Each structure stands twice: as structure tokens, then as C-alpha cells.
Amino acid sequence: MSEAARKIRWGVLGYARIARVSVIPAIVRSANSEFFALASRDPGKLVEARAQQPLPRAYESYDDLLRDPRIDAVYIPLPNSLHREWTLKAAAHGKHVLCEKPIALNAAECREMIAACAARKVNLMEAFMYRYTDRIRQVQAVLRSGALGEIKFVSACFRFPLANPGSIKLKPELGGGALYDVGCYPVNFAGLVADHALAPPGAASPPLAVPHTVRATAHRVDGIDVITSALLQYPGGLIASLHCGFNAQKVVGAEIVGTEGVLQVPETFFDAPGSLILIRGEERRELPVAASDRYRSEVEDFAAAILEGRPPQGSLAESLRNMEVLDRVFAAL
């Protein structure tokens, strides 16, 4: 079979909700991928999976799935505390790895994961699926256009009320907490904006923007942060205000403020249709946003990267920068 016709065979480690509801269906929908195997330590979840869609291979051991030579890539939706362990084991078996965000618990783990995958010449990507939406493409187009002038401020929020008291998001031993679960998105978005704002004119590949000051505060309950806010200051005076939480009304949005205009980005991390709002002086324009299939686009890009022998869109340098900033936010609490 030619590379153009070949499909990447995926194995999934764990039947977490995001795998069940979002990523496995995206693999099934994708043009260049095949849902090939699922591993779960809970036999009941394998029964549930078989009732949801055809399940070619089922394993009650993650290790057994990784030993299957027919599998090209694995998706890891496991609790945050297990990302490093199973990425390293997948790389040791020559599997490409799409790992849920946050990629690790800290920057040191992230560096180890990057090095292990590089040594085995397999791709590794953090699953920031929101970067595959028309909404983010339009944000980047507005930034490139210069319509906002010099960027001075960015704010981003991802907050929702977490109703399930038994959620792994509330367990510190599993890497729970609002900053890990949803705070990593505003940190990533701030990095995207800062990279544009601080790039030298005409630079082909400018260095990633790094804040020189990080301040933060949080309210903790039973060992995890349930609401966190952070202020990042970058060279040149750019300030980012970031917020996340589990204990209040849902708010998902961002705003980018420049010397010439403001861009409001409702539903920043989602892929439903909508609009951006561009304000320049007294002028207010709505920029339509098309619906996107963010999980399918993420899967197809990752699979295409394997088939074409290139890195995927998601940058490991950005993932490492994200973890370094998260480390600094935790240290500032």
C-alpha cells in the first residue's frame, strides 16, 4: 500500500471521557487514521466501548497494547500524573504519541518525554486541539494584519463549575486542579499572542516569548487549586491576565488589546461557529467564525505528520514553554 493510501493505526490507552466522546470518534471520522485498539484496566469499560463502536482489538493491559507491532500511534488520555510514564513506555516501543494536555506535571518531565521520543525518532504532541479551529486561524490573521497596533494586554479565562465530587480533576495525587486542567489553555493562548507581539520584524523563526515576571494567587481545597489567577509580564511591557477555575459560573473567552484596537474572542477554546469582535476607535466589526472539527483536524495532522515524516503542527518548544510557565505560576502561589 502506498504511503498516500495507508492509514495510521491508533491505539488508545484508557477509556476516559475525552477519548470516548471526542477523540475516538474523531479517529473514526478521519481520512488517514484507523481506530485499531483500546486498552483499559477496567473490563467493564471495554464492554462499554464495544457497545459504542466497532472495537477491532481490546487489551486489559496498557503494556500489551504497546507490544502490538501493528499499532503506529497511541493517544494518551490518562490522568495527568501518568502522562510521563506511558509516553516513555510508548516511545520505547516505537509508538508515536499524542498526549492529552497538560503534557506533563512539570517542565522536567516534559523535557524527559521530548528527549525519549526524539531518541526513538517518534513524534510527540500535546493535544491542544483548540489550535486547529477557524477561530484561532482568524485570531492569528488579525494579529498578522496589524489591525490592533502594538499589543499591550491579553486576557484569557477558562472556568466552569465542576459538579462531580469524585472527578479525577479534584485528586491531587492524579495531577488534579484547575491550573493543570483548564489553566493550561489560557497560558498557551497568552504564549501565542506574546510570540506575535514580541517577534522582531521580518524574523523567520523568532524565539518564543517568555515572561520575566509571574505573579499568581489561588484558592485551594483538599490539596488542589479550585480557582487561580495569574499575571504575566513580558519584555516591552506586554501584560497577560489569566484565570481558571472549577467553582464558579462558566466563562470561556479572551481579549487582545493593542494601541489601535481590541479583539474579543468569545468561546476561545471551542470550535462552534460564532464571531470575533474587532473594535477600532468607534468602529465595531463582527468577524464570522466557521464551525470546525478540532479533534478530527488534530488527529489528521498528527497522522499526516507520521506519514510524511515531519513534525505535527503542535510545537514541542511551545509545550515546554507552557510547562515552564505553569511551573512558575505554581511557584508563585
C-alpha atoms as a PDB file:
ATOM      1  CA  MET A   1       0.000   0.000   0.000  1.00  0.00           C
ATOM      2  CA  SER A   2       1.334   3.451  -0.886  1.00  0.00           C
ATOM      3  CA  GLU A   3       2.038   5.990   1.840  1.00  0.00           C
ATOM      4  CA  ALA A   4      -0.733   8.156   0.367  1.00  0.00           C
ATOM      5  CA  ALA A   5      -3.274   5.356   0.808  1.00  0.00           C
ATOM      6  CA  ARG A   6      -2.024   3.997   4.140  1.00  0.00           C
ATOM      7  CA  LYS A   7      -3.865   4.830   7.331  1.00  0.00           C
ATOM      8  CA  ILE A   8      -2.234   5.260  10.719  1.00  0.00           C
ATOM      9  CA  ARG A   9      -3.354   2.594  13.174  1.00  0.00           C
ATOM     10  CA  TRP A  10      -4.168   4.105  16.556  1.00  0.00           C
ATOM     11  CA  GLY A  11      -4.191   2.538  19.975  1.00  0.00           C
ATOM     12  CA  VAL A  12      -5.860   4.354  22.871  1.00  0.00           C
ATOM     13  CA  LEU A  13      -4.632   3.944  26.446  1.00  0.00           C
ATOM     14  CA  GLY A  14      -7.676   4.251  28.682  1.00  0.00           C
ATOM     15  CA  TYR A  15     -11.348   4.920  28.058  1.00  0.00           C
ATOM     16  CA  ALA A  16     -11.537   8.380  29.601  1.00  0.00           C
ATOM     17  CA  ARG A  17     -14.490  10.600  28.738  1.00  0.00           C
ATOM     18  CA  ILE A  18     -12.476  12.733  26.304  1.00  0.00           C
ATOM     19  CA  ALA A  19     -11.398   9.570  24.484  1.00  0.00           C
ATOM     20  CA  ARG A  20     -14.914   8.146  24.439  1.00  0.00           C
ATOM     21  CA  VAL A  21     -16.764  11.311  23.440  1.00  0.00           C
ATOM     22  CA  SER A  22     -14.241  13.231  21.352  1.00  0.00           C
ATOM     23  CA  VAL A  23     -11.004  11.635  20.213  1.00  0.00           C
ATOM     24  CA  ILE A  24     -12.014   8.066  19.317  1.00  0.00           C
ATOM     25  CA  PRO A  25     -14.951   9.346  17.204  1.00  0.00           C
ATOM     26  CA  ALA A  26     -12.517  11.796  15.563  1.00  0.00           C
ATOM     27  CA  ILE A  27     -10.146   8.948  14.693  1.00  0.00           C
ATOM     28  CA  VAL A  28     -13.087   7.060  13.176  1.00  0.00           C
ATOM     29  CA  ARG A  29     -14.112  10.162  11.143  1.00  0.00           C
ATOM     30  CA  SER A  30     -10.611  10.977   9.960  1.00  0.00           C
ATOM     31  CA  ALA A  31      -9.418  10.273   6.427  1.00  0.00           C
ATOM     32  CA  ASN A  32      -5.956   8.952   7.286  1.00  0.00           C
ATOM     33  CA  SER A  33      -6.445   7.079  10.551  1.00  0.00           C
ATOM     34  CA  GLU A  34      -7.905   3.833  11.861  1.00  0.00           C
ATOM     35  CA  PHE A  35      -9.135   3.158  15.383  1.00  0.00           C
ATOM     36  CA  PHE A  36      -7.273  -0.102  15.859  1.00  0.00           C
ATOM     37  CA  ALA A  37      -7.094  -0.915  19.575  1.00  0.00           C
ATOM     38  CA  LEU A  38      -8.195   0.149  23.037  1.00  0.00           C
ATOM     39  CA  ALA A  39      -6.647  -0.755  26.373  1.00  0.00           C
ATOM     40  CA  SER A  40      -8.453  -0.406  29.680  1.00  0.00           C
ATOM     41  CA  ARG A  41      -7.697  -1.891  33.070  1.00  0.00           C
ATOM     42  CA  ASP A  42     -11.454  -1.953  33.673  1.00  0.00           C
ATOM     43  CA  PRO A  43     -13.107  -4.820  31.732  1.00  0.00           C
ATOM     44  CA  GLY A  44     -16.455  -3.066  32.105  1.00  0.00           C
ATOM     45  CA  LYS A  45     -15.157  -0.130  30.072  1.00  0.00           C
ATOM     46  CA  LEU A  46     -14.144  -2.466  27.253  1.00  0.00           C
ATOM     47  CA  VAL A  47     -17.698  -3.823  27.237  1.00  0.00           C
ATOM     48  CA  GLU A  48     -18.984  -0.234  27.115  1.00  0.00           C
ATOM     49  CA  ALA A  49     -16.600   0.585  24.278  1.00  0.00           C
ATOM     50  CA  ARG A  50     -17.769  -2.367  22.203  1.00  0.00           C
ATOM     51  CA  ALA A  51     -21.335  -1.121  22.572  1.00  0.00           C
ATOM     52  CA  GLN A  52     -20.368   2.307  21.257  1.00  0.00           C
ATOM     53  CA  GLN A  53     -18.414   1.411  18.100  1.00  0.00           C
ATOM     54  CA  PRO A  54     -16.586  -1.499  16.457  1.00  0.00           C
ATOM     55  CA  LEU A  55     -13.552  -2.376  18.563  1.00  0.00           C
ATOM     56  CA  PRO A  56     -11.024  -4.367  16.498  1.00  0.00           C
ATOM     57  CA  ARG A  57      -8.589  -5.091  19.358  1.00  0.00           C
ATOM     58  CA  ALA A  58      -9.137  -4.838  23.104  1.00  0.00           C
ATOM     59  CA  TYR A  59      -6.486  -5.172  25.813  1.00  0.00           C
ATOM     60  CA  GLU A  60      -6.815  -5.225  29.590  1.00  0.00           C
ATOM     61  CA  SER A  61      -3.189  -4.076  29.869  1.00  0.00           C
ATOM     62  CA  TYR A  62      -1.603  -0.906  28.511  1.00  0.00           C
ATOM     63  CA  ASP A  63       1.670  -2.794  28.107  1.00  0.00           C
ATOM     64  CA  ASP A  64       0.001  -5.439  25.937  1.00  0.00           C
ATOM     65  CA  LEU A  65      -1.340  -2.755  23.612  1.00  0.00           C
ATOM     66  CA  LEU A  66       2.110  -1.171  23.317  1.00  0.00           C
ATOM     67  CA  ARG A  67       3.616  -4.540  22.425  1.00  0.00           C
ATOM     68  CA  ASP A  68       1.307  -4.868  19.393  1.00  0.00           C
ATOM     69  CA  PRO A  69       3.616  -4.188  16.403  1.00  0.00           C
ATOM     70  CA  ARG A  70       0.697  -3.244  14.153  1.00  0.00           C
ATOM     71  CA  ILE A  71      -0.052  -0.056  16.107  1.00  0.00           C
ATOM     72  CA  ASP A  72       1.627   3.100  14.782  1.00  0.00           C
ATOM     73  CA  ALA A  73       0.480   5.747  17.257  1.00  0.00           C
ATOM     74  CA  VAL A  74      -1.103   5.961  20.674  1.00  0.00           C
ATOM     75  CA  TYR A  75      -3.382   8.535  22.223  1.00  0.00           C
ATOM     76  CA  ILE A  76      -2.929   9.039  25.971  1.00  0.00           C
ATOM     77  CA  PRO A  77      -5.967  10.446  27.826  1.00  0.00           C
ATOM     78  CA  LEU A  78      -4.832   9.094  31.200  1.00  0.00           C
ATOM     79  CA  PRO A  79      -4.704  11.189  34.395  1.00  0.00           C
ATOM     80  CA  ASN A  80      -2.022  13.891  34.290  1.00  0.00           C
ATOM     81  CA  SER A  81       0.185  12.014  36.751  1.00  0.00           C
ATOM     82  CA  LEU A  82       0.524   9.129  34.250  1.00  0.00           C
ATOM     83  CA  HIS A  83       1.427  11.088  31.111  1.00  0.00           C
ATOM     84  CA  ARG A  84       5.190  10.858  31.585  1.00  0.00           C
ATOM     85  CA  GLU A  85       5.235   7.139  32.446  1.00  0.00           C
ATOM     86  CA  TRP A  86       3.159   5.996  29.488  1.00  0.00           C
ATOM     87  CA  THR A  87       4.718   8.376  26.984  1.00  0.00           C
ATOM     88  CA  LEU A  88       8.145   6.977  27.865  1.00  0.00           C
ATOM     89  CA  LYS A  89       6.869   3.402  27.573  1.00  0.00           C
ATOM     90  CA  ALA A  90       5.147   4.144  24.256  1.00  0.00           C
ATOM     91  CA  ALA A  91       8.313   5.705  22.855  1.00  0.00           C
ATOM     92  CA  ALA A  92      10.333   2.686  23.979  1.00  0.00           C
ATOM     93  CA  HIS A  93       8.012   0.555  21.827  1.00  0.00           C
ATOM     94  CA  GLY A  94       8.436   2.874  18.839  1.00  0.00           C
ATOM     95  CA  LYS A  95       4.939   4.392  19.027  1.00  0.00           C
ATOM     96  CA  HIS A  96       4.160   7.981  18.102  1.00  0.00           C
ATOM     97  CA  VAL A  97       2.386   9.753  20.957  1.00  0.00           C
ATOM     98  CA  LEU A  98      -0.494  12.214  21.064  1.00  0.00           C
ATOM     99  CA  CYS A  99      -0.711  13.091  24.760  1.00  0.00           C
ATOM    100  CA  GLU A 100      -3.518  14.984  26.439  1.00  0.00           C
ATOM    101  CA  LYS A 101      -2.775  18.345  27.949  1.00  0.00           C
ATOM    102  CA  PRO A 102      -1.076  19.255  30.146  1.00  0.00           C
ATOM    103  CA  ILE A 103       1.667  17.167  28.572  1.00  0.00           C
ATOM    104  CA  ALA A 104       3.291  16.583  31.975  1.00  0.00           C
ATOM    105  CA  LEU A 105       3.255  17.680  35.607  1.00  0.00           C
ATOM    106  CA  ASN A 106       6.281  19.947  35.207  1.00  0.00           C
ATOM    107  CA  ALA A 107       8.922  21.078  32.745  1.00  0.00           C
ATOM    108  CA  ALA A 108      11.445  18.452  33.874  1.00  0.00           C
ATOM    109  CA  GLU A 109       9.024  15.656  32.967  1.00  0.00           C
ATOM    110  CA  CYS A 110       8.286  17.362  29.654  1.00  0.00           C
ATOM    111  CA  ARG A 111      11.982  17.556  28.758  1.00  0.00           C
ATOM    112  CA  GLU A 112      12.405  13.852  29.548  1.00  0.00           C
ATOM    113  CA  MET A 113       9.437  12.949  27.342  1.00  0.00           C
ATOM    114  CA  ILE A 114      10.708  15.067  24.453  1.00  0.00           C
ATOM    115  CA  ALA A 115      14.169  13.513  24.709  1.00  0.00           C
ATOM    116  CA  ALA A 116      12.802   9.953  24.840  1.00  0.00           C
ATOM    117  CA  CYS A 117      10.648  10.445  21.750  1.00  0.00           C
ATOM    118  CA  ALA A 118      13.478  12.154  19.871  1.00  0.00           C
ATOM    119  CA  ALA A 119      15.809   9.258  20.702  1.00  0.00           C
ATOM    120  CA  ARG A 120      13.354   6.761  19.225  1.00  0.00           C
ATOM    121  CA  LYS A 121      12.506   9.080  16.286  1.00  0.00           C
ATOM    122  CA  VAL A 122       8.786   9.136  17.078  1.00  0.00           C
ATOM    123  CA  ASN A 123       6.524  12.174  17.075  1.00  0.00           C
ATOM    124  CA  LEU A 124       5.179  13.581  20.313  1.00  0.00           C
ATOM    125  CA  MET A 125       2.467  16.239  20.500  1.00  0.00           C
ATOM    126  CA  GLU A 126       0.407  17.797  23.267  1.00  0.00           C
ATOM    127  CA  ALA A 127      -3.292  17.658  22.417  1.00  0.00           C
ATOM    128  CA  PHE A 128      -4.168  21.353  22.345  1.00  0.00           C
ATOM    129  CA  MET A 129      -6.995  20.731  19.908  1.00  0.00           C
ATOM    130  CA  TYR A 130      -8.214  24.337  20.066  1.00  0.00           C
ATOM    131  CA  ARG A 131      -5.265  25.367  17.896  1.00  0.00           C
ATOM    132  CA  TYR A 132      -6.975  23.528  14.988  1.00  0.00           C
ATOM    133  CA  THR A 133     -10.031  25.807  14.772  1.00  0.00           C
ATOM    134  CA  ASP A 134     -11.135  28.545  12.402  1.00  0.00           C
ATOM    135  CA  ARG A 135     -11.453  30.772  15.479  1.00  0.00           C
ATOM    136  CA  ILE A 136      -7.731  30.581  16.190  1.00  0.00           C
ATOM    137  CA  ARG A 137      -6.825  30.903  12.495  1.00  0.00           C
ATOM    138  CA  GLN A 138      -8.783  34.155  12.428  1.00  0.00           C
ATOM    139  CA  VAL A 139      -7.147  35.408  15.630  1.00  0.00           C
ATOM    140  CA  GLN A 140      -3.757  34.807  14.022  1.00  0.00           C
ATOM    141  CA  ALA A 141      -4.864  36.562  10.824  1.00  0.00           C
ATOM    142  CA  VAL A 142      -5.935  39.659  12.788  1.00  0.00           C
ATOM    143  CA  LEU A 143      -2.616  39.668  14.657  1.00  0.00           C
ATOM    144  CA  ARG A 144      -0.680  39.404  11.389  1.00  0.00           C
ATOM    145  CA  SER A 145      -2.739  42.190   9.820  1.00  0.00           C
ATOM    146  CA  GLY A 146      -1.500  44.759  12.316  1.00  0.00           C
ATOM    147  CA  ALA A 147      -5.084  45.978  12.891  1.00  0.00           C
ATOM    148  CA  LEU A 148      -4.561  46.069  16.664  1.00  0.00           C
ATOM    149  CA  GLY A 149      -1.334  48.053  16.537  1.00  0.00           C
ATOM    150  CA  GLU A 150       1.234  47.270  19.223  1.00  0.00           C
ATOM    151  CA  ILE A 151      -0.130  44.596  21.568  1.00  0.00           C
ATOM    152  CA  LYS A 152      -0.186  45.775  25.179  1.00  0.00           C
ATOM    153  CA  PHE A 153      -2.514  43.397  27.035  1.00  0.00           C
ATOM    154  CA  VAL A 154      -4.093  39.955  26.676  1.00  0.00           C
ATOM    155  CA  SER A 155      -6.586  38.333  28.997  1.00  0.00           C
ATOM    156  CA  ALA A 156      -7.859  34.759  28.817  1.00  0.00           C
ATOM    157  CA  CYS A 157     -10.245  32.789  31.004  1.00  0.00           C
ATOM    158  CA  PHE A 158     -11.370  29.158  31.148  1.00  0.00           C
ATOM    159  CA  ARG A 159     -13.669  28.474  34.074  1.00  0.00           C
ATOM    160  CA  PHE A 160     -16.607  26.147  34.714  1.00  0.00           C
ATOM    161  CA  PRO A 161     -18.446  24.694  37.728  1.00  0.00           C
ATOM    162  CA  LEU A 162     -17.232  21.144  38.358  1.00  0.00           C
ATOM    163  CA  ALA A 163     -20.222  19.232  39.689  1.00  0.00           C
ATOM    164  CA  ASN A 164     -18.720  15.745  40.054  1.00  0.00           C
ATOM    165  CA  PRO A 165     -17.175  15.387  43.543  1.00  0.00           C
ATOM    166  CA  GLY A 166     -15.457  12.146  42.509  1.00  0.00           C
ATOM    167  CA  SER A 167     -13.722  13.619  39.455  1.00  0.00           C
ATOM    168  CA  ILE A 168     -10.025  12.880  38.951  1.00  0.00           C
ATOM    169  CA  LYS A 169      -9.720  16.642  38.396  1.00  0.00           C
ATOM    170  CA  LEU A 170     -10.082  17.001  42.176  1.00  0.00           C
ATOM    171  CA  LYS A 171      -7.462  14.409  43.151  1.00  0.00           C
ATOM    172  CA  PRO A 172      -4.009  15.900  43.856  1.00  0.00           C
ATOM    173  CA  GLU A 173      -2.275  12.525  43.550  1.00  0.00           C
ATOM    174  CA  LEU A 174      -3.501  12.277  39.931  1.00  0.00           C
ATOM    175  CA  GLY A 175      -2.404  15.767  38.931  1.00  0.00           C
ATOM    176  CA  GLY A 176      -5.746  17.422  39.574  1.00  0.00           C
ATOM    177  CA  GLY A 177      -6.523  21.097  39.903  1.00  0.00           C
ATOM    178  CA  ALA A 178      -7.881  23.917  37.780  1.00  0.00           C
ATOM    179  CA  LEU A 179      -4.492  25.192  36.631  1.00  0.00           C
ATOM    180  CA  TYR A 180      -3.484  21.829  35.169  1.00  0.00           C
ATOM    181  CA  ASP A 181      -6.903  21.028  33.736  1.00  0.00           C
ATOM    182  CA  VAL A 182      -8.083  24.302  32.190  1.00  0.00           C
ATOM    183  CA  GLY A 183      -5.474  26.900  33.174  1.00  0.00           C
ATOM    184  CA  CYS A 184      -3.009  25.440  30.693  1.00  0.00           C
ATOM    185  CA  TYR A 185      -5.237  26.779  27.874  1.00  0.00           C
ATOM    186  CA  PRO A 186      -5.026  30.486  28.820  1.00  0.00           C
ATOM    187  CA  VAL A 187      -1.276  30.069  29.364  1.00  0.00           C
ATOM    188  CA  ASN A 188      -0.969  28.590  25.872  1.00  0.00           C
ATOM    189  CA  PHE A 189      -3.112  31.330  24.325  1.00  0.00           C
ATOM    190  CA  ALA A 190      -1.083  34.052  26.034  1.00  0.00           C
ATOM    191  CA  GLY A 191       2.060  32.485  24.582  1.00  0.00           C
ATOM    192  CA  LEU A 192       0.540  32.510  21.086  1.00  0.00           C
ATOM    193  CA  VAL A 193      -0.258  36.243  21.377  1.00  0.00           C
ATOM    194  CA  ALA A 194       3.044  37.154  23.018  1.00  0.00           C
ATOM    195  CA  ASP A 195       5.014  35.320  20.330  1.00  0.00           C
ATOM    196  CA  HIS A 196       3.398  37.531  17.699  1.00  0.00           C
ATOM    197  CA  ALA A 197       3.654  40.716  19.751  1.00  0.00           C
ATOM    198  CA  LEU A 198       7.334  40.317  20.590  1.00  0.00           C
ATOM    199  CA  ALA A 199       8.625  38.840  17.324  1.00  0.00           C
ATOM    200  CA  PRO A 200      11.312  41.014  15.697  1.00  0.00           C
ATOM    201  CA  PRO A 201      10.138  42.412  12.335  1.00  0.00           C
ATOM    202  CA  GLY A 202      10.948  40.048   9.491  1.00  0.00           C
ATOM    203  CA  ALA A 203      12.208  37.251  11.760  1.00  0.00           C
ATOM    204  CA  ALA A 204      11.771  33.845  10.113  1.00  0.00           C
ATOM    205  CA  SER A 205      11.722  31.884  13.387  1.00  0.00           C
ATOM    206  CA  PRO A 206      11.804  34.269  16.352  1.00  0.00           C
ATOM    207  CA  PRO A 207      12.464  32.925  19.851  1.00  0.00           C
ATOM    208  CA  LEU A 208       9.439  32.042  21.949  1.00  0.00           C
ATOM    209  CA  ALA A 209       8.249  34.828  24.237  1.00  0.00           C
ATOM    210  CA  VAL A 210       8.977  34.228  27.932  1.00  0.00           C
ATOM    211  CA  PRO A 211       7.538  36.345  30.753  1.00  0.00           C
ATOM    212  CA  HIS A 212      10.092  37.946  33.030  1.00  0.00           C
ATOM    213  CA  THR A 213       7.628  38.314  35.909  1.00  0.00           C
ATOM    214  CA  VAL A 214       4.941  35.892  37.116  1.00  0.00           C
ATOM    215  CA  ARG A 215       2.514  36.617  39.939  1.00  0.00           C
ATOM    216  CA  ALA A 216      -0.364  34.379  40.973  1.00  0.00           C
ATOM    217  CA  THR A 217      -2.979  33.653  43.592  1.00  0.00           C
ATOM    218  CA  ALA A 218      -5.311  30.705  44.136  1.00  0.00           C
ATOM    219  CA  HIS A 219      -7.862  29.223  46.475  1.00  0.00           C
ATOM    220  CA  ARG A 220      -7.068  25.626  47.377  1.00  0.00           C
ATOM    221  CA  VAL A 221      -9.403  22.920  48.637  1.00  0.00           C
ATOM    222  CA  ASP A 222      -8.150  19.470  49.700  1.00  0.00           C
ATOM    223  CA  GLY A 223      -4.756  19.905  48.074  1.00  0.00           C
ATOM    224  CA  ILE A 224      -5.748  21.301  44.666  1.00  0.00           C
ATOM    225  CA  ASP A 225      -6.434  24.781  43.313  1.00  0.00           C
ATOM    226  CA  VAL A 226     -10.111  25.296  42.507  1.00  0.00           C
ATOM    227  CA  ILE A 227      -9.684  28.861  41.248  1.00  0.00           C
ATOM    228  CA  THR A 228      -6.460  30.536  40.113  1.00  0.00           C
ATOM    229  CA  SER A 229      -5.466  33.855  38.591  1.00  0.00           C
ATOM    230  CA  ALA A 230      -2.048  34.832  37.247  1.00  0.00           C
ATOM    231  CA  LEU A 231      -0.396  37.963  35.872  1.00  0.00           C
ATOM    232  CA  LEU A 232       2.488  37.574  33.445  1.00  0.00           C
ATOM    233  CA  GLN A 233       4.644  40.487  32.325  1.00  0.00           C
ATOM    234  CA  TYR A 234       6.775  40.201  29.196  1.00  0.00           C
ATOM    235  CA  PRO A 235       9.660  42.316  27.915  1.00  0.00           C
ATOM    236  CA  GLY A 236       8.397  45.556  26.399  1.00  0.00           C
ATOM    237  CA  GLY A 237       5.541  45.852  28.885  1.00  0.00           C
ATOM    238  CA  LEU A 238       3.040  43.344  27.495  1.00  0.00           C
ATOM    239  CA  ILE A 239       0.886  42.017  30.358  1.00  0.00           C
ATOM    240  CA  ALA A 240      -1.225  38.841  30.333  1.00  0.00           C
ATOM    241  CA  SER A 241      -4.052  38.280  32.813  1.00  0.00           C
ATOM    242  CA  LEU A 242      -5.036  34.612  33.062  1.00  0.00           C
ATOM    243  CA  HIS A 243      -7.820  32.970  35.009  1.00  0.00           C
ATOM    244  CA  CYS A 244      -9.165  29.442  35.510  1.00  0.00           C
ATOM    245  CA  GLY A 245     -11.430  27.653  37.914  1.00  0.00           C
ATOM    246  CA  PHE A 246     -13.827  24.882  38.858  1.00  0.00           C
ATOM    247  CA  ASN A 247     -16.049  26.709  41.370  1.00  0.00           C
ATOM    248  CA  ALA A 248     -17.993  29.424  39.536  1.00  0.00           C
ATOM    249  CA  GLN A 249     -20.126  30.201  36.503  1.00  0.00           C
ATOM    250  CA  LYS A 250     -18.732  29.063  33.166  1.00  0.00           C
ATOM    251  CA  VAL A 251     -16.735  31.724  31.337  1.00  0.00           C
ATOM    252  CA  VAL A 252     -14.553  30.962  28.324  1.00  0.00           C
ATOM    253  CA  GLY A 253     -13.135  33.934  26.472  1.00  0.00           C
ATOM    254  CA  ALA A 254     -10.175  36.130  25.663  1.00  0.00           C
ATOM    255  CA  GLU A 255      -9.376  39.708  24.730  1.00  0.00           C
ATOM    256  CA  ILE A 256      -6.343  41.157  22.978  1.00  0.00           C
ATOM    257  CA  VAL A 257      -5.748  44.884  23.406  1.00  0.00           C
ATOM    258  CA  GLY A 258      -3.419  46.953  21.246  1.00  0.00           C
ATOM    259  CA  THR A 259      -2.659  50.603  20.636  1.00  0.00           C
ATOM    260  CA  GLU A 260      -5.032  50.677  17.641  1.00  0.00           C
ATOM    261  CA  GLY A 261      -7.752  48.218  18.553  1.00  0.00           C
ATOM    262  CA  VAL A 262      -9.237  45.403  20.615  1.00  0.00           C
ATOM    263  CA  LEU A 263     -10.067  41.851  19.544  1.00  0.00           C
ATOM    264  CA  GLN A 264     -12.630  39.982  21.628  1.00  0.00           C
ATOM    265  CA  VAL A 265     -12.567  36.187  21.286  1.00  0.00           C
ATOM    266  CA  PRO A 266     -15.655  34.533  22.813  1.00  0.00           C
ATOM    267  CA  GLU A 267     -15.541  30.753  23.307  1.00  0.00           C
ATOM    268  CA  THR A 268     -11.787  30.881  22.659  1.00  0.00           C
ATOM    269  CA  PHE A 269     -11.057  27.195  23.113  1.00  0.00           C
ATOM    270  CA  PHE A 270     -14.119  25.720  21.381  1.00  0.00           C
ATOM    271  CA  ASP A 271     -14.982  25.027  17.745  1.00  0.00           C
ATOM    272  CA  ALA A 272     -18.649  26.018  17.375  1.00  0.00           C
ATOM    273  CA  PRO A 273     -19.488  28.761  14.866  1.00  0.00           C
ATOM    274  CA  GLY A 274     -19.643  32.320  16.136  1.00  0.00           C
ATOM    275  CA  SER A 275     -17.740  35.535  15.643  1.00  0.00           C
ATOM    276  CA  LEU A 276     -14.784  37.569  16.803  1.00  0.00           C
ATOM    277  CA  ILE A 277     -15.390  41.228  17.625  1.00  0.00           C
ATOM    278  CA  LEU A 278     -12.853  43.729  16.313  1.00  0.00           C
ATOM    279  CA  ILE A 279     -13.065  47.238  17.797  1.00  0.00           C
ATOM    280  CA  ARG A 280     -11.053  50.133  16.350  1.00  0.00           C
ATOM    281  CA  GLY A 281     -11.980  53.529  17.724  1.00  0.00           C
ATOM    282  CA  GLU A 282     -15.764  53.863  17.341  1.00  0.00           C
ATOM    283  CA  GLU A 283     -15.911  51.101  14.722  1.00  0.00           C
ATOM    284  CA  ARG A 284     -17.108  47.654  15.829  1.00  0.00           C
ATOM    285  CA  ARG A 285     -16.981  44.739  13.374  1.00  0.00           C
ATOM    286  CA  GLU A 286     -18.036  41.134  13.763  1.00  0.00           C
ATOM    287  CA  LEU A 287     -15.741  38.654  12.041  1.00  0.00           C
ATOM    288  CA  PRO A 288     -17.664  35.414  11.341  1.00  0.00           C
ATOM    289  CA  VAL A 289     -16.104  32.189  12.578  1.00  0.00           C
ATOM    290  CA  ALA A 290     -16.941  28.910  10.857  1.00  0.00           C
ATOM    291  CA  ALA A 291     -17.579  25.668  12.701  1.00  0.00           C
ATOM    292  CA  SER A 292     -14.535  23.425  12.948  1.00  0.00           C
ATOM    293  CA  ASP A 293     -13.904  19.758  13.709  1.00  0.00           C
ATOM    294  CA  ARG A 294     -10.954  20.391  16.012  1.00  0.00           C
ATOM    295  CA  TYR A 295     -10.396  16.813  17.150  1.00  0.00           C
ATOM    296  CA  ARG A 296     -10.534  15.394  13.632  1.00  0.00           C
ATOM    297  CA  SER A 297      -8.157  18.092  12.346  1.00  0.00           C
ATOM    298  CA  GLU A 298      -5.764  17.359  15.208  1.00  0.00           C
ATOM    299  CA  VAL A 299      -5.823  13.607  14.520  1.00  0.00           C
ATOM    300  CA  GLU A 300      -5.411  14.072  10.763  1.00  0.00           C
ATOM    301  CA  ASP A 301      -2.483  16.466  11.159  1.00  0.00           C
ATOM    302  CA  PHE A 302      -0.730  14.116  13.580  1.00  0.00           C
ATOM    303  CA  ALA A 303      -1.292  11.121  11.299  1.00  0.00           C
ATOM    304  CA  ALA A 304      -0.177  13.082   8.230  1.00  0.00           C
ATOM    305  CA  ALA A 305       2.984  14.113  10.066  1.00  0.00           C
ATOM    306  CA  ILE A 306       3.824  10.440  10.643  1.00  0.00           C
ATOM    307  CA  LEU A 307       3.117   9.519   7.021  1.00  0.00           C
ATOM    308  CA  GLU A 308       5.065  12.493   5.661  1.00  0.00           C
ATOM    309  CA  GLY A 309       7.990  12.240   8.058  1.00  0.00           C
ATOM    310  CA  ARG A 310       7.528  15.726   9.503  1.00  0.00           C
ATOM    311  CA  PRO A 311       6.690  17.221  12.896  1.00  0.00           C
ATOM    312  CA  PRO A 312       2.994  17.859  13.598  1.00  0.00           C
ATOM    313  CA  GLN A 313       1.617  21.368  13.933  1.00  0.00           C
ATOM    314  CA  GLY A 314       1.778  21.308  17.720  1.00  0.00           C
ATOM    315  CA  SER A 315       5.188  22.614  18.743  1.00  0.00           C
ATOM    316  CA  LEU A 316       7.126  20.815  21.464  1.00  0.00           C
ATOM    317  CA  ALA A 317       9.008  24.048  22.118  1.00  0.00           C
ATOM    318  CA  GLU A 318       5.652  25.642  22.940  1.00  0.00           C
ATOM    319  CA  SER A 319       4.670  22.693  25.127  1.00  0.00           C
ATOM    320  CA  LEU A 320       7.900  23.011  27.084  1.00  0.00           C
ATOM    321  CA  ARG A 321       7.437  26.770  27.390  1.00  0.00           C
ATOM    322  CA  ASN A 322       3.878  26.160  28.625  1.00  0.00           C
ATOM    323  CA  MET A 323       5.107  23.795  31.332  1.00  0.00           C
ATOM    324  CA  GLU A 324       7.850  26.213  32.369  1.00  0.00           C
ATOM    325  CA  VAL A 325       5.271  28.974  32.792  1.00  0.00           C
ATOM    326  CA  LEU A 326       2.938  26.647  34.707  1.00  0.00           C
ATOM    327  CA  ASP A 327       5.865  25.753  36.988  1.00  0.00           C
ATOM    328  CA  ARG A 328       6.406  29.455  37.649  1.00  0.00           C
ATOM    329  CA  VAL A 329       2.711  30.044  38.363  1.00  0.00           C
ATOM    330  CA  PHE A 330       2.669  27.172  40.859  1.00  0.00           C
ATOM    331  CA  ALA A 331       5.840  28.552  42.465  1.00  0.00           C
ATOM    332  CA  ALA A 332       4.191  31.984  42.783  1.00  0.00           C
ATOM    333  CA  LEU A 333       1.091  30.694  44.591  1.00  0.00           C
END
